[in-house]
Amino acid sequence: MLFDTHVHLNDEAFKEDLEEVIKRAQSVGVKNMVVVGFDRPTIKRAMELIDQYEFLYASIGWHPVDAVDMEDEDLVWIEQLTEHPKVVAIGEIGLDYHWDKSPKDIQQTVFRKQIQLAKKLSLPIIIHNREATEDCIQILKEEGAEKVGGIMHCFSGSPETAKECLDMNFYISLGGPVTFKNAKKPKEVAAEVPLERLLIETDCPYLAPHPHRGKRNEPSYVKLVAEQIAEIKGISYDEVAKQTLLNAKHLFHISD
């Protein structure tokens, strides 16, 4: 059984064939998924999906790229929605210095506010970090994020950075890039991070693993991520599937 900890089944890319996508995921052993909402429309859709499917959970937060659009009432709304028992995390939140839509200072303020909210609610956080590692880690430390921990989503940093995150009570989540032939860092991270601290994800519809690279990603492909980690670690696929499932359920406080 597999747990895909980061899907965007609330994306328009799945509008026409969501049922078929879910069936394909279940056919390869995907037991649970966390649907991530990161702005008003995607959060609303995530909430609809978790009511529709018993095996889906949600993480809700405000994406750093859109930080400039977030109003105070959006944060209040997110807090209200966390009363739903199937909202298991705050995120994806963080910093993104690749796109310049939201100024860095606004991103940082919005990031801090959401860490503070997660601590108030005792919910883990899902971190989006793009080209902002130093600031991201500094803010996590300053805000005491280790009290709730969470996930370094689609981790692309070095083994050294991974260790810093592990020390702050975070899990390292690997996705499609670990399967890319030229992806040196994710493979090193997969080798060095203990299996007890690893999670797997697709980030679908983005970042499809090899041999589907460049096409629409979907949750069934999380199996390819687990297979690659098993190969890198020299252990069985079943071991990776079982432990990453246990890790996710522990983090999200999900019991059968």
C-alpha atoms as a PDB file:
ATOM      1  CA  MET A   1       0.000   0.000   0.000  1.00  0.00           C
ATOM      2  CA  LEU A   2       1.195   3.504  -0.898  1.00  0.00           C
ATOM      3  CA  PHE A   3       0.482   6.986   0.466  1.00  0.00           C
ATOM      4  CA  ASP A   4       0.863   9.871  -1.998  1.00  0.00           C
ATOM      5  CA  THR A   5       1.405  12.810   0.359  1.00  0.00           C
ATOM      6  CA  HIS A   6       1.017  15.583  -2.231  1.00  0.00           C
ATOM      7  CA  VAL A   7      -1.506  15.604  -5.068  1.00  0.00           C
ATOM      8  CA  HIS A   8      -3.393  18.339  -6.875  1.00  0.00           C
ATOM      9  CA  LEU A   9      -6.445  16.345  -7.905  1.00  0.00           C
ATOM     10  CA  ASN A  10      -8.200  19.706  -7.475  1.00  0.00           C
ATOM     11  CA  ASP A  11      -6.360  20.929 -10.601  1.00  0.00           C
ATOM     12  CA  GLU A  12      -8.169  21.564 -13.896  1.00  0.00           C
ATOM     13  CA  ALA A  13      -5.891  18.929 -15.466  1.00  0.00           C
ATOM     14  CA  PHE A  14      -8.093  16.241 -13.857  1.00  0.00           C
ATOM     15  CA  LYS A  15     -11.446  17.807 -14.674  1.00  0.00           C
ATOM     16  CA  GLU A  16     -12.356  15.329 -17.411  1.00  0.00           C
ATOM     17  CA  ASP A  17     -11.147  11.991 -16.027  1.00  0.00           C
ATOM     18  CA  LEU A  18     -10.788  12.185 -12.242  1.00  0.00           C
ATOM     19  CA  GLU A  19     -12.579   8.863 -11.638  1.00  0.00           C
ATOM     20  CA  GLU A  20     -10.294   7.007 -14.040  1.00  0.00           C
ATOM     21  CA  VAL A  21      -7.199   8.635 -12.480  1.00  0.00           C
ATOM     22  CA  ILE A  22      -8.307   7.532  -9.001  1.00  0.00           C
ATOM     23  CA  LYS A  23      -9.042   3.986 -10.198  1.00  0.00           C
ATOM     24  CA  ARG A  24      -5.573   3.713 -11.774  1.00  0.00           C
ATOM     25  CA  ALA A  25      -4.017   4.874  -8.497  1.00  0.00           C
ATOM     26  CA  GLN A  26      -5.951   2.296  -6.496  1.00  0.00           C
ATOM     27  CA  SER A  27      -5.052  -0.445  -8.971  1.00  0.00           C
ATOM     28  CA  VAL A  28      -1.336  -0.037  -8.167  1.00  0.00           C
ATOM     29  CA  GLY A  29      -1.943   0.082  -4.399  1.00  0.00           C
ATOM     30  CA  VAL A  30      -2.339   3.776  -3.581  1.00  0.00           C
ATOM     31  CA  LYS A  31      -4.291   3.689  -0.309  1.00  0.00           C
ATOM     32  CA  ASN A  32      -4.408   7.379   0.653  1.00  0.00           C
ATOM     33  CA  MET A  33      -3.601  10.796  -0.816  1.00  0.00           C
ATOM     34  CA  VAL A  34      -3.409  14.326   0.519  1.00  0.00           C
ATOM     35  CA  VAL A  35      -5.002  16.899  -1.799  1.00  0.00           C
ATOM     36  CA  VAL A  36      -3.225  20.237  -1.445  1.00  0.00           C
ATOM     37  CA  GLY A  37      -5.142  23.504  -1.712  1.00  0.00           C
ATOM     38  CA  PHE A  38      -3.103  26.696  -1.987  1.00  0.00           C
ATOM     39  CA  ASP A  39      -5.537  29.511  -2.891  1.00  0.00           C
ATOM     40  CA  ARG A  40      -9.292  30.076  -2.662  1.00  0.00           C
ATOM     41  CA  PRO A  41     -10.413  27.986  -5.679  1.00  0.00           C
ATOM     42  CA  THR A  42      -8.068  25.035  -4.994  1.00  0.00           C
ATOM     43  CA  ILE A  43      -8.875  24.998  -1.260  1.00  0.00           C
ATOM     44  CA  LYS A  44     -12.617  24.947  -2.005  1.00  0.00           C
ATOM     45  CA  ARG A  45     -12.156  22.058  -4.432  1.00  0.00           C
ATOM     46  CA  ALA A  46      -9.923  20.148  -1.982  1.00  0.00           C
ATOM     47  CA  MET A  47     -12.657  20.394   0.653  1.00  0.00           C
ATOM     48  CA  GLU A  48     -15.227  19.040  -1.827  1.00  0.00           C
ATOM     49  CA  LEU A  49     -12.994  16.103  -2.710  1.00  0.00           C
ATOM     50  CA  ILE A  50     -12.352  14.991   0.877  1.00  0.00           C
ATOM     51  CA  ASP A  51     -16.101  14.872   1.450  1.00  0.00           C
ATOM     52  CA  GLN A  52     -16.573  12.874  -1.739  1.00  0.00           C
ATOM     53  CA  TYR A  53     -13.830  10.237  -1.239  1.00  0.00           C
ATOM     54  CA  GLU A  54     -13.154   8.555   2.102  1.00  0.00           C
ATOM     55  CA  PHE A  55      -9.473   7.829   1.301  1.00  0.00           C
ATOM     56  CA  LEU A  56      -8.596  11.462   0.498  1.00  0.00           C
ATOM     57  CA  TYR A  57      -7.330  14.021   3.019  1.00  0.00           C
ATOM     58  CA  ALA A  58      -6.538  17.721   2.587  1.00  0.00           C
ATOM     59  CA  SER A  59      -3.784  20.162   3.384  1.00  0.00           C
ATOM     60  CA  ILE A  60      -4.735  23.817   3.022  1.00  0.00           C
ATOM     61  CA  GLY A  61      -2.622  26.961   3.024  1.00  0.00           C
ATOM     62  CA  TRP A  62      -1.568  29.910   0.900  1.00  0.00           C
ATOM     63  CA  HIS A  63       1.103  29.483  -1.772  1.00  0.00           C
ATOM     64  CA  PRO A  64       4.084  31.866  -1.623  1.00  0.00           C
ATOM     65  CA  VAL A  65       3.765  32.831  -5.294  1.00  0.00           C
ATOM     66  CA  ASP A  66       0.304  34.224  -4.505  1.00  0.00           C
ATOM     67  CA  ALA A  67       1.215  35.679  -1.086  1.00  0.00           C
ATOM     68  CA  VAL A  68       0.539  39.205  -2.367  1.00  0.00           C
ATOM     69  CA  ASP A  69      -3.132  38.244  -2.898  1.00  0.00           C
ATOM     70  CA  MET A  70      -3.752  36.895   0.598  1.00  0.00           C
ATOM     71  CA  GLU A  71      -6.059  38.934   2.853  1.00  0.00           C
ATOM     72  CA  ASP A  72      -6.384  38.590   6.620  1.00  0.00           C
ATOM     73  CA  GLU A  73      -9.819  37.034   6.153  1.00  0.00           C
ATOM     74  CA  ASP A  74      -8.257  34.254   4.055  1.00  0.00           C
ATOM     75  CA  LEU A  75      -6.220  33.183   7.078  1.00  0.00           C
ATOM     76  CA  VAL A  76      -9.359  33.231   9.247  1.00  0.00           C
ATOM     77  CA  TRP A  77     -11.168  31.141   6.609  1.00  0.00           C
ATOM     78  CA  ILE A  78      -8.323  28.586   6.509  1.00  0.00           C
ATOM     79  CA  GLU A  79      -8.438  28.312  10.303  1.00  0.00           C
ATOM     80  CA  GLN A  80     -12.200  27.691  10.198  1.00  0.00           C
ATOM     81  CA  LEU A  81     -11.799  24.965   7.561  1.00  0.00           C
ATOM     82  CA  THR A  82      -9.266  23.105   9.714  1.00  0.00           C
ATOM     83  CA  GLU A  83     -12.174  22.105  11.975  1.00  0.00           C
ATOM     84  CA  HIS A  84     -12.929  19.469   9.316  1.00  0.00           C
ATOM     85  CA  PRO A  85     -11.472  16.200  10.672  1.00  0.00           C
ATOM     86  CA  LYS A  86      -9.877  15.345   7.326  1.00  0.00           C
ATOM     87  CA  VAL A  87      -7.789  18.531   7.088  1.00  0.00           C
ATOM     88  CA  VAL A  88      -4.459  17.114   8.250  1.00  0.00           C
ATOM     89  CA  ALA A  89      -1.913  19.879   7.563  1.00  0.00           C
ATOM     90  CA  ILE A  90      -1.305  23.534   6.716  1.00  0.00           C
ATOM     91  CA  GLY A  91       0.303  23.964   3.311  1.00  0.00           C
ATOM     92  CA  GLU A  92       1.712  24.223   0.920  1.00  0.00           C
ATOM     93  CA  ILE A  93       3.363  27.272   2.425  1.00  0.00           C
ATOM     94  CA  GLY A  94       6.865  28.661   2.170  1.00  0.00           C
ATOM     95  CA  LEU A  95       8.987  30.771  -0.133  1.00  0.00           C
ATOM     96  CA  ASP A  96       9.397  30.912  -3.910  1.00  0.00           C
ATOM     97  CA  TYR A  97      12.057  33.262  -5.252  1.00  0.00           C
ATOM     98  CA  HIS A  98      11.884  31.876  -8.791  1.00  0.00           C
ATOM     99  CA  TRP A  99       8.755  33.816  -9.733  1.00  0.00           C
ATOM    100  CA  ASP A 100       8.555  37.516  -8.934  1.00  0.00           C
ATOM    101  CA  LYS A 101       4.793  37.962  -8.519  1.00  0.00           C
ATOM    102  CA  SER A 102       4.977  38.377  -4.728  1.00  0.00           C
ATOM    103  CA  PRO A 103       7.739  40.481  -3.115  1.00  0.00           C
ATOM    104  CA  LYS A 104      10.040  38.545  -0.794  1.00  0.00           C
ATOM    105  CA  ASP A 105       9.047  40.488   2.324  1.00  0.00           C
ATOM    106  CA  ILE A 106       5.346  39.752   1.733  1.00  0.00           C
ATOM    107  CA  GLN A 107       6.094  36.063   1.130  1.00  0.00           C
ATOM    108  CA  GLN A 108       8.033  35.923   4.386  1.00  0.00           C
ATOM    109  CA  THR A 109       5.263  37.627   6.374  1.00  0.00           C
ATOM    110  CA  VAL A 110       2.596  35.287   4.979  1.00  0.00           C
ATOM    111  CA  PHE A 111       4.863  32.291   5.651  1.00  0.00           C
ATOM    112  CA  ARG A 112       5.399  33.313   9.284  1.00  0.00           C
ATOM    113  CA  LYS A 113       1.671  33.897   9.858  1.00  0.00           C
ATOM    114  CA  GLN A 114       0.846  30.416   8.591  1.00  0.00           C
ATOM    115  CA  ILE A 115       3.528  28.726  10.721  1.00  0.00           C
ATOM    116  CA  GLN A 116       2.051  30.545  13.716  1.00  0.00           C
ATOM    117  CA  LEU A 117      -1.424  29.329  12.742  1.00  0.00           C
ATOM    118  CA  ALA A 118      -0.183  25.733  12.408  1.00  0.00           C
ATOM    119  CA  LYS A 119       1.365  25.934  15.882  1.00  0.00           C
ATOM    120  CA  LYS A 120      -1.893  27.299  17.301  1.00  0.00           C
ATOM    121  CA  LEU A 121      -3.782  24.384  15.701  1.00  0.00           C
ATOM    122  CA  SER A 122      -1.072  21.737  16.348  1.00  0.00           C
ATOM    123  CA  LEU A 123      -1.019  20.786  12.655  1.00  0.00           C
ATOM    124  CA  PRO A 124       2.083  19.856  10.642  1.00  0.00           C
ATOM    125  CA  ILE A 125       3.126  22.088   7.746  1.00  0.00           C
ATOM    126  CA  ILE A 126       3.955  21.281   4.130  1.00  0.00           C
ATOM    127  CA  ILE A 127       6.811  23.413   2.853  1.00  0.00           C
ATOM    128  CA  HIS A 128       7.242  24.755  -0.667  1.00  0.00           C
ATOM    129  CA  ASN A 129      10.795  26.019  -1.139  1.00  0.00           C
ATOM    130  CA  ARG A 130      12.101  27.205  -4.482  1.00  0.00           C
ATOM    131  CA  GLU A 131      15.452  28.996  -4.709  1.00  0.00           C
ATOM    132  CA  ALA A 132      15.002  30.251  -1.116  1.00  0.00           C
ATOM    133  CA  THR A 133      16.572  27.575   1.098  1.00  0.00           C
ATOM    134  CA  GLU A 134      18.558  29.835   3.419  1.00  0.00           C
ATOM    135  CA  ASP A 135      15.628  32.159   4.198  1.00  0.00           C
ATOM    136  CA  CYS A 136      13.206  29.244   4.415  1.00  0.00           C
ATOM    137  CA  ILE A 137      15.249  27.394   7.039  1.00  0.00           C
ATOM    138  CA  GLN A 138      15.954  30.578   8.983  1.00  0.00           C
ATOM    139  CA  ILE A 139      12.227  31.386   9.232  1.00  0.00           C
ATOM    140  CA  LEU A 140      11.362  27.806  10.247  1.00  0.00           C
ATOM    141  CA  LYS A 141      13.934  28.043  13.033  1.00  0.00           C
ATOM    142  CA  GLU A 142      12.898  31.530  14.174  1.00  0.00           C
ATOM    143  CA  GLU A 143       9.209  30.578  14.274  1.00  0.00           C
ATOM    144  CA  GLY A 144       9.836  27.332  16.195  1.00  0.00           C
ATOM    145  CA  ALA A 145       8.365  25.196  13.428  1.00  0.00           C
ATOM    146  CA  GLU A 146       9.931  22.072  14.966  1.00  0.00           C
ATOM    147  CA  LYS A 147       7.028  22.106  17.461  1.00  0.00           C
ATOM    148  CA  VAL A 148       4.697  20.896  14.689  1.00  0.00           C
ATOM    149  CA  GLY A 149       7.166  19.534  12.119  1.00  0.00           C
ATOM    150  CA  GLY A 150       5.953  18.580   8.687  1.00  0.00           C
ATOM    151  CA  ILE A 151       7.178  17.881   5.184  1.00  0.00           C
ATOM    152  CA  MET A 152       9.851  19.362   2.964  1.00  0.00           C
ATOM    153  CA  HIS A 153       7.764  18.855  -0.163  1.00  0.00           C
ATOM    154  CA  CYS A 154       9.424  17.645  -3.368  1.00  0.00           C
ATOM    155  CA  PHE A 155      12.813  18.126  -1.715  1.00  0.00           C
ATOM    156  CA  SER A 156      15.529  19.221  -4.143  1.00  0.00           C
ATOM    157  CA  GLY A 157      18.280  20.281  -1.739  1.00  0.00           C
ATOM    158  CA  SER A 158      21.521  18.656  -0.647  1.00  0.00           C
ATOM    159  CA  PRO A 159      21.930  15.841   1.909  1.00  0.00           C
ATOM    160  CA  GLU A 160      23.367  18.473   4.278  1.00  0.00           C
ATOM    161  CA  THR A 161      20.234  20.624   3.986  1.00  0.00           C
ATOM    162  CA  ALA A 162      18.105  17.490   4.414  1.00  0.00           C
ATOM    163  CA  LYS A 163      19.867  16.814   7.721  1.00  0.00           C
ATOM    164  CA  GLU A 164      19.099  20.359   8.916  1.00  0.00           C
ATOM    165  CA  CYS A 165      15.441  19.737   8.122  1.00  0.00           C
ATOM    166  CA  LEU A 166      15.442  16.346   9.859  1.00  0.00           C
ATOM    167  CA  ASP A 167      16.877  18.034  12.944  1.00  0.00           C
ATOM    168  CA  MET A 168      13.871  20.402  12.876  1.00  0.00           C
ATOM    169  CA  ASN A 169      11.380  17.515  13.025  1.00  0.00           C
ATOM    170  CA  PHE A 170      10.630  17.453   9.270  1.00  0.00           C
ATOM    171  CA  TYR A 171      10.192  14.541   6.911  1.00  0.00           C
ATOM    172  CA  ILE A 172      11.843  14.611   3.497  1.00  0.00           C
ATOM    173  CA  SER A 173       9.433  13.941   0.639  1.00  0.00           C
ATOM    174  CA  LEU A 174      10.699  12.797  -2.748  1.00  0.00           C
ATOM    175  CA  GLY A 175       8.788  12.856  -6.011  1.00  0.00           C
ATOM    176  CA  GLY A 176       9.319  12.384  -9.727  1.00  0.00           C
ATOM    177  CA  PRO A 177      12.761  14.047  -9.914  1.00  0.00           C
ATOM    178  CA  VAL A 178      14.361  11.172  -7.943  1.00  0.00           C
ATOM    179  CA  THR A 179      13.710   9.022 -11.037  1.00  0.00           C
ATOM    180  CA  PHE A 180      15.409  11.413 -13.480  1.00  0.00           C
ATOM    181  CA  LYS A 181      18.716  10.067 -14.804  1.00  0.00           C
ATOM    182  CA  ASN A 182      20.525  13.393 -14.228  1.00  0.00           C
ATOM    183  CA  ALA A 183      19.042  14.079 -10.759  1.00  0.00           C
ATOM    184  CA  LYS A 184      22.152  13.700  -8.602  1.00  0.00           C
ATOM    185  CA  LYS A 185      20.955  15.446  -5.400  1.00  0.00           C
ATOM    186  CA  PRO A 186      17.588  13.673  -4.969  1.00  0.00           C
ATOM    187  CA  LYS A 187      19.316  10.307  -5.425  1.00  0.00           C
ATOM    188  CA  GLU A 188      21.960  11.215  -2.810  1.00  0.00           C
ATOM    189  CA  VAL A 189      19.194  12.324  -0.434  1.00  0.00           C
ATOM    190  CA  ALA A 190      17.256   9.084  -1.031  1.00  0.00           C
ATOM    191  CA  ALA A 191      20.396   7.130  -0.159  1.00  0.00           C
ATOM    192  CA  GLU A 192      21.272   9.080   2.993  1.00  0.00           C
ATOM    193  CA  VAL A 193      17.961   9.957   4.668  1.00  0.00           C
ATOM    194  CA  PRO A 194      16.718   7.113   6.909  1.00  0.00           C
ATOM    195  CA  LEU A 195      13.655   5.357   5.511  1.00  0.00           C
ATOM    196  CA  GLU A 196      11.794   6.226   8.740  1.00  0.00           C
ATOM    197  CA  ARG A 197      12.024   9.910   7.755  1.00  0.00           C
ATOM    198  CA  LEU A 198      11.142   9.639   4.046  1.00  0.00           C
ATOM    199  CA  LEU A 199       7.809  10.252   2.337  1.00  0.00           C
ATOM    200  CA  ILE A 200       6.770   9.829  -1.289  1.00  0.00           C
ATOM    201  CA  GLU A 201       4.629  12.058  -3.486  1.00  0.00           C
ATOM    202  CA  THR A 202       3.763  12.879  -7.074  1.00  0.00           C
ATOM    203  CA  ASP A 203       2.868  16.610  -6.913  1.00  0.00           C
ATOM    204  CA  CYS A 204       0.568  15.644  -9.792  1.00  0.00           C
ATOM    205  CA  PRO A 205      -0.174  16.970 -12.383  1.00  0.00           C
ATOM    206  CA  TYR A 206       3.408  18.341 -12.213  1.00  0.00           C
ATOM    207  CA  LEU A 207       6.837  16.664 -12.241  1.00  0.00           C
ATOM    208  CA  ALA A 208       5.926  13.301 -13.749  1.00  0.00           C
ATOM    209  CA  PRO A 209       8.578  10.626 -13.098  1.00  0.00           C
ATOM    210  CA  HIS A 210      10.572   8.810 -15.762  1.00  0.00           C
ATOM    211  CA  PRO A 211       9.406   7.419 -18.227  1.00  0.00           C
ATOM    212  CA  HIS A 212       6.465   9.864 -18.221  1.00  0.00           C
ATOM    213  CA  ARG A 213       8.581  12.997 -17.821  1.00  0.00           C
ATOM    214  CA  GLY A 214       7.023  16.022 -19.525  1.00  0.00           C
ATOM    215  CA  LYS A 215       3.525  14.523 -19.503  1.00  0.00           C
ATOM    216  CA  ARG A 216       0.686  14.955 -17.013  1.00  0.00           C
ATOM    217  CA  ASN A 217       1.601  13.343 -13.717  1.00  0.00           C
ATOM    218  CA  GLU A 218      -0.940  11.284 -11.761  1.00  0.00           C
ATOM    219  CA  PRO A 219      -1.041   9.470  -8.398  1.00  0.00           C
ATOM    220  CA  SER A 220      -0.508   5.974  -9.840  1.00  0.00           C
ATOM    221  CA  TYR A 221       3.021   7.069 -10.777  1.00  0.00           C
ATOM    222  CA  VAL A 222       3.970   7.343  -7.088  1.00  0.00           C
ATOM    223  CA  LYS A 223       4.781   3.633  -7.386  1.00  0.00           C
ATOM    224  CA  LEU A 224       7.687   4.559  -9.692  1.00  0.00           C
ATOM    225  CA  VAL A 225       9.050   6.882  -6.997  1.00  0.00           C
ATOM    226  CA  ALA A 226       8.866   4.105  -4.379  1.00  0.00           C
ATOM    227  CA  GLU A 227      10.546   1.645  -6.754  1.00  0.00           C
ATOM    228  CA  GLN A 228      13.405   4.076  -7.417  1.00  0.00           C
ATOM    229  CA  ILE A 229      13.994   4.680  -3.692  1.00  0.00           C
ATOM    230  CA  ALA A 230      14.016   0.921  -3.087  1.00  0.00           C
ATOM    231  CA  GLU A 231      16.623   0.485  -5.824  1.00  0.00           C
ATOM    232  CA  ILE A 232      18.809   3.304  -4.467  1.00  0.00           C
ATOM    233  CA  LYS A 233      18.634   1.972  -0.901  1.00  0.00           C
ATOM    234  CA  GLY A 234      19.063  -1.656  -1.950  1.00  0.00           C
ATOM    235  CA  ILE A 235      15.922  -2.757  -0.129  1.00  0.00           C
ATOM    236  CA  SER A 236      12.596  -4.217  -1.229  1.00  0.00           C
ATOM    237  CA  TYR A 237       9.822  -2.173  -2.796  1.00  0.00           C
ATOM    238  CA  ASP A 238       7.431  -3.554  -0.163  1.00  0.00           C
ATOM    239  CA  GLU A 239       9.641  -2.184   2.617  1.00  0.00           C
ATOM    240  CA  VAL A 240       9.599   1.311   1.087  1.00  0.00           C
ATOM    241  CA  ALA A 241       5.831   1.193   0.491  1.00  0.00           C
ATOM    242  CA  LYS A 242       5.055  -0.020   4.007  1.00  0.00           C
ATOM    243  CA  GLN A 243       7.364   2.379   5.867  1.00  0.00           C
ATOM    244  CA  THR A 244       6.436   5.511   3.896  1.00  0.00           C
ATOM    245  CA  LEU A 245       2.748   4.683   4.475  1.00  0.00           C
ATOM    246  CA  LEU A 246       3.400   4.370   8.221  1.00  0.00           C
ATOM    247  CA  ASN A 247       5.413   7.607   8.204  1.00  0.00           C
ATOM    248  CA  ALA A 248       2.596   9.544   6.518  1.00  0.00           C
ATOM    249  CA  LYS A 249      -0.088   8.169   8.838  1.00  0.00           C
ATOM    250  CA  HIS A 250       2.046   9.010  11.879  1.00  0.00           C
ATOM    251  CA  LEU A 251       2.685  12.579  10.699  1.00  0.00           C
ATOM    252  CA  PHE A 252      -0.932  13.257   9.748  1.00  0.00           C
ATOM    253  CA  HIS A 253      -2.375  11.444  12.818  1.00  0.00           C
ATOM    254  CA  ILE A 254      -4.388   9.088  10.641  1.00  0.00           C
ATOM    255  CA  SER A 255      -5.486   5.785  12.146  1.00  0.00           C
ATOM    256  CA  ASP A 256      -7.273   3.003  10.319  1.00  0.00           C
END
